[in-house]
Amino acid sequence: MFEKILVVEDFDVINSGIKIALEEINVKEVDYVSYCDEAFLKIKKAHLINKPYQLLISDLSFENDGTPQKLKSGDELIEKIRKEFSDLKIIVFSVEDKPFRIQNLYKNFNIQGYIWKNRNGLKELKKAIHKTFTSNEFCISPGLKSAVHPKETIEITSYDIHIIEQLSKGVLQDNLPKIFEEKQIKPSGKSSIEKRLKFLKEHFNANNPTHLVAIAKDFGLI
């Protein structure tokens, strides 16, 4: 069984349930944090002292209590982790059930499990932890399996999400190439961005970029 786990969750009552679940499966060392920035720093520090975490369990949504944060969601935390700690195993434990959001984490950031925070959530979480430790099989709550089923998935990439996120911030389409170049997001060429944006609008039957952003939010893509 995993010996060192980090849990990122900002509700004490959920942490209490996770703590009991981890005690039941004899996990030796568990740390709990409420902020994504703090989580990343702990992962980095543990790596530097050669005592790395073996598993991250993280929620996706966190309440804004006024504390300044660079990483404002579990999605952003996972994306940053994957850039520096590609071997860290990750299980998402969230109430979020939007297929596009789940698919993005599964396909683009190589998470090991996605457990729905519902009535059977803690039971499913224990199963997922055991399966993640013993195999390479992706773990997902039964009610969410269609989100990653090959016949049902839609090929939405992290590149697409970057485009939609910038549009959601009010960035004009003509300004995207410069921003992508600065952020080293490739391809950053105007033609490439236009083609992908055209595909997204057609795929989601969006009339314009604003409509596309609205649809993406409805589906939990951003």
Protein backbone atom coordinates (compact mmCIF):
# COMPACT_ATOMS: atom_id res chain seq x y z
CA MET A 1 0.00 0.00 0.00
CA PHE A 2 1.06 3.62 -0.51
CA GLU A 3 3.05 4.88 2.46
CA LYS A 4 2.91 8.64 1.84
CA ILE A 5 -0.16 10.46 0.48
CA LEU A 6 -1.08 14.13 0.11
CA VAL A 7 -4.76 15.13 0.27
CA VAL A 8 -5.88 18.50 -1.12
CA GLU A 9 -9.35 19.32 0.18
CA ASP A 10 -10.74 22.49 1.77
CA PHE A 11 -13.74 21.07 3.65
CA ASP A 12 -13.00 19.62 7.07
CA VAL A 13 -15.94 17.23 7.00
CA ILE A 14 -14.67 15.67 3.75
CA ASN A 15 -11.14 15.46 5.17
CA SER A 16 -12.50 13.61 8.19
CA GLY A 17 -14.10 11.00 5.95
CA ILE A 18 -10.96 10.62 3.85
CA LYS A 19 -8.86 10.29 7.02
CA ILE A 20 -11.02 7.42 8.28
CA ALA A 21 -10.89 5.73 4.86
CA LEU A 22 -7.09 5.95 4.69
CA GLU A 23 -6.72 4.64 8.23
CA GLU A 24 -8.86 1.65 7.29
CA ILE A 25 -6.44 0.71 4.51
CA ASN A 26 -3.37 1.31 6.70
CA VAL A 27 -1.72 4.24 4.97
CA LYS A 28 1.19 5.25 7.22
CA GLU A 29 1.68 8.93 6.42
CA VAL A 30 -0.96 11.38 5.17
CA ASP A 31 -0.72 15.16 4.90
CA TYR A 32 -3.75 17.41 4.41
CA VAL A 33 -3.74 20.88 2.82
CA SER A 34 -6.52 23.27 1.83
CA TYR A 35 -4.79 25.27 -0.92
CA CYS A 36 -3.35 24.21 -4.27
CA ASP A 37 -0.30 26.47 -3.96
CA GLU A 38 0.54 24.87 -0.61
CA ALA A 39 0.06 21.42 -2.11
CA PHE A 40 2.53 22.07 -4.91
CA LEU A 41 5.13 23.46 -2.50
CA LYS A 42 4.81 20.38 -0.26
CA ILE A 43 5.20 18.07 -3.27
CA LYS A 44 8.27 20.00 -4.39
CA LYS A 45 9.83 20.02 -0.93
CA ALA A 46 9.20 16.30 -0.43
CA HIS A 47 10.90 15.61 -3.75
CA LEU A 48 13.91 17.77 -2.86
CA ILE A 49 14.51 15.94 0.44
CA ASN A 50 14.11 12.60 -1.33
CA LYS A 51 10.93 11.69 0.55
CA PRO A 52 8.38 12.11 -2.26
CA TYR A 53 4.67 11.61 -2.05
CA GLN A 54 3.49 8.47 -3.80
CA LEU A 55 -0.11 9.56 -4.35
CA LEU A 56 -2.04 12.81 -4.58
CA ILE A 57 -5.77 12.88 -3.84
CA SER A 58 -7.26 16.21 -4.88
CA ASP A 59 -10.58 17.98 -5.22
CA LEU A 60 -11.04 20.25 -8.26
CA SER A 61 -12.98 23.20 -6.82
CA PHE A 62 -11.89 25.31 -3.86
CA GLU A 63 -13.71 28.16 -2.15
CA ASN A 64 -12.14 31.60 -2.44
CA ASP A 65 -11.56 32.80 1.13
CA GLY A 66 -9.51 35.81 0.10
CA THR A 67 -6.12 34.11 0.41
CA PRO A 68 -4.06 34.97 -2.72
CA GLN A 69 -3.46 31.86 -4.81
CA LYS A 70 -1.64 31.30 -8.10
CA LEU A 71 -3.20 27.86 -8.56
CA LYS A 72 -6.93 28.33 -8.14
CA SER A 73 -8.23 24.86 -8.99
CA GLY A 74 -7.32 21.22 -8.87
CA ASP A 75 -7.07 21.22 -12.66
CA GLU A 76 -4.36 23.91 -12.53
CA LEU A 77 -2.53 22.06 -9.77
CA ILE A 78 -2.55 18.79 -11.72
CA GLU A 79 -1.37 20.49 -14.90
CA LYS A 80 1.57 22.06 -13.05
CA ILE A 81 2.43 18.80 -11.30
CA ARG A 82 2.52 16.93 -14.57
CA LYS A 83 5.11 19.38 -15.93
CA GLU A 84 7.53 18.65 -13.09
CA PHE A 85 6.49 15.39 -11.42
CA SER A 86 5.21 13.13 -14.16
CA ASP A 87 5.50 9.97 -12.05
CA LEU A 88 3.30 11.11 -9.16
CA LYS A 89 0.06 9.12 -9.12
CA ILE A 90 -3.09 11.24 -8.94
CA ILE A 91 -6.68 10.46 -8.00
CA VAL A 92 -9.32 13.18 -8.30
CA PHE A 93 -12.08 13.12 -5.68
CA SER A 94 -14.75 15.60 -6.72
CA VAL A 95 -18.46 16.35 -7.04
CA GLU A 96 -17.77 17.47 -10.63
CA ASP A 97 -19.37 15.12 -13.14
CA LYS A 98 -18.95 17.04 -16.41
CA PRO A 99 -17.56 14.66 -19.08
CA PHE A 100 -15.31 17.24 -20.76
CA ARG A 101 -13.53 18.13 -17.55
CA ILE A 102 -13.01 14.48 -16.63
CA GLN A 103 -11.85 13.65 -20.13
CA ASN A 104 -9.31 16.47 -20.14
CA LEU A 105 -7.70 15.22 -16.93
CA TYR A 106 -7.78 11.62 -18.12
CA LYS A 107 -6.44 12.12 -21.62
CA ASN A 108 -4.15 15.12 -21.25
CA PHE A 109 -2.79 14.90 -17.70
CA ASN A 110 -2.63 11.17 -17.13
CA ILE A 111 -4.51 10.94 -13.85
CA GLN A 112 -4.87 7.45 -12.40
CA GLY A 113 -8.40 7.77 -11.10
CA TYR A 114 -11.51 9.93 -10.95
CA ILE A 115 -13.91 9.28 -8.09
CA TRP A 116 -17.26 10.97 -7.78
CA LYS A 117 -17.86 12.53 -4.37
CA ASN A 118 -21.32 11.03 -3.85
CA ARG A 119 -22.98 8.64 -1.40
CA ASN A 120 -20.56 5.82 -2.22
CA GLY A 121 -17.58 8.10 -2.81
CA LEU A 122 -15.38 7.06 0.11
CA LYS A 123 -15.99 3.39 -0.59
CA GLU A 124 -15.05 3.91 -4.25
CA LEU A 125 -12.04 5.98 -3.21
CA LYS A 126 -10.61 3.12 -1.14
CA LYS A 127 -11.07 0.75 -4.08
CA ALA A 128 -9.38 3.24 -6.41
CA ILE A 129 -6.39 3.66 -4.10
CA HIS A 130 -5.90 -0.10 -3.91
CA LYS A 131 -6.28 -0.54 -7.68
CA THR A 132 -3.90 2.36 -8.40
CA PHE A 133 -1.30 0.76 -6.13
CA THR A 134 -1.61 -2.70 -7.66
CA SER A 135 -2.23 -1.98 -11.36
CA ASN A 136 -2.09 0.56 -14.17
CA GLU A 137 -5.82 0.36 -14.81
CA PHE A 138 -7.66 3.68 -14.78
CA CYS A 139 -10.18 3.93 -11.92
CA ILE A 140 -13.45 5.79 -12.30
CA SER A 141 -16.75 5.72 -10.43
CA PRO A 142 -19.34 3.52 -12.18
CA GLY A 143 -21.67 6.46 -12.81
CA LEU A 144 -18.99 8.36 -14.73
CA LYS A 145 -17.59 5.63 -16.97
CA SER A 146 -19.23 7.04 -20.09
CA ALA A 147 -17.04 10.15 -19.72
CA VAL A 148 -13.94 8.22 -20.79
CA HIS A 149 -15.53 5.55 -22.99
CA PRO A 150 -13.73 5.61 -26.39
CA LYS A 151 -16.97 5.76 -28.36
CA GLU A 152 -18.30 8.66 -26.31
CA THR A 153 -15.26 10.85 -25.87
CA ILE A 154 -14.65 14.04 -27.82
CA GLU A 155 -11.07 14.91 -28.63
CA ILE A 156 -10.66 18.04 -26.54
CA THR A 157 -7.02 18.85 -25.86
CA SER A 158 -5.22 21.09 -23.38
CA TYR A 159 -4.50 23.35 -26.38
CA ASP A 160 -8.25 23.79 -26.91
CA ILE A 161 -8.72 24.62 -23.26
CA HIS A 162 -6.00 27.27 -23.41
CA ILE A 163 -7.81 28.90 -26.34
CA ILE A 164 -11.18 28.90 -24.60
CA GLU A 165 -9.73 30.10 -21.29
CA GLN A 166 -8.12 33.10 -22.95
CA LEU A 167 -11.36 33.94 -24.74
CA SER A 168 -13.22 33.67 -21.42
CA LYS A 169 -10.88 36.33 -20.02
CA GLY A 170 -11.94 38.73 -22.77
CA VAL A 171 -8.83 38.27 -24.93
CA LEU A 172 -9.54 39.01 -28.59
CA GLN A 173 -8.90 36.26 -31.11
CA ASP A 174 -6.33 38.41 -32.92
CA ASN A 175 -4.30 38.70 -29.72
CA LEU A 176 -4.08 34.98 -29.07
CA PRO A 177 -0.91 34.34 -31.15
CA LYS A 178 1.12 36.85 -29.11
CA ILE A 179 -0.12 35.46 -25.79
CA PHE A 180 0.52 31.86 -26.86
CA GLU A 181 4.03 32.77 -27.95
CA GLU A 182 4.72 34.45 -24.61
CA LYS A 183 3.36 31.45 -22.69
CA GLN A 184 5.24 29.03 -25.01
CA ILE A 185 2.00 27.32 -26.01
CA LYS A 186 2.45 25.65 -29.39
CA PRO A 187 1.41 26.05 -32.11
CA SER A 188 1.14 29.79 -31.61
CA GLY A 189 0.63 30.79 -35.24
CA LYS A 190 -2.49 32.72 -36.21
CA SER A 191 -3.51 30.15 -38.81
CA SER A 192 -3.23 27.21 -36.37
CA ILE A 193 -5.29 28.99 -33.73
CA GLU A 194 -7.93 30.02 -36.26
CA LYS A 195 -8.27 26.44 -37.55
CA ARG A 196 -8.65 25.01 -34.07
CA LEU A 197 -11.12 27.71 -33.04
CA LYS A 198 -13.15 27.01 -36.18
CA PHE A 199 -13.20 23.30 -35.28
CA LEU A 200 -14.34 24.07 -31.71
CA LYS A 201 -17.14 26.37 -32.85
CA GLU A 202 -18.38 23.78 -35.36
CA HIS A 203 -18.04 20.94 -32.88
CA PHE A 204 -20.05 22.69 -30.18
CA ASN A 205 -22.36 24.42 -32.66
CA ALA A 206 -21.30 27.82 -31.32
CA ASN A 207 -22.20 31.00 -33.20
CA ASN A 208 -19.17 32.98 -32.04
CA PRO A 209 -16.31 32.88 -29.47
CA THR A 210 -18.55 34.24 -26.70
CA HIS A 211 -21.11 31.53 -27.35
CA LEU A 212 -18.31 28.94 -27.37
CA VAL A 213 -17.12 30.10 -23.94
CA ALA A 214 -20.65 29.87 -22.56
CA ILE A 215 -21.06 26.31 -23.88
CA ALA A 216 -17.66 25.30 -22.54
CA LYS A 217 -18.62 26.55 -19.07
CA ASP A 218 -21.92 24.67 -19.20
CA PHE A 219 -20.08 21.46 -19.96
CA GLY A 220 -17.42 22.05 -17.33
CA LEU A 221 -14.63 22.37 -19.87
CA ILE A 222 -13.33 25.49 -18.11
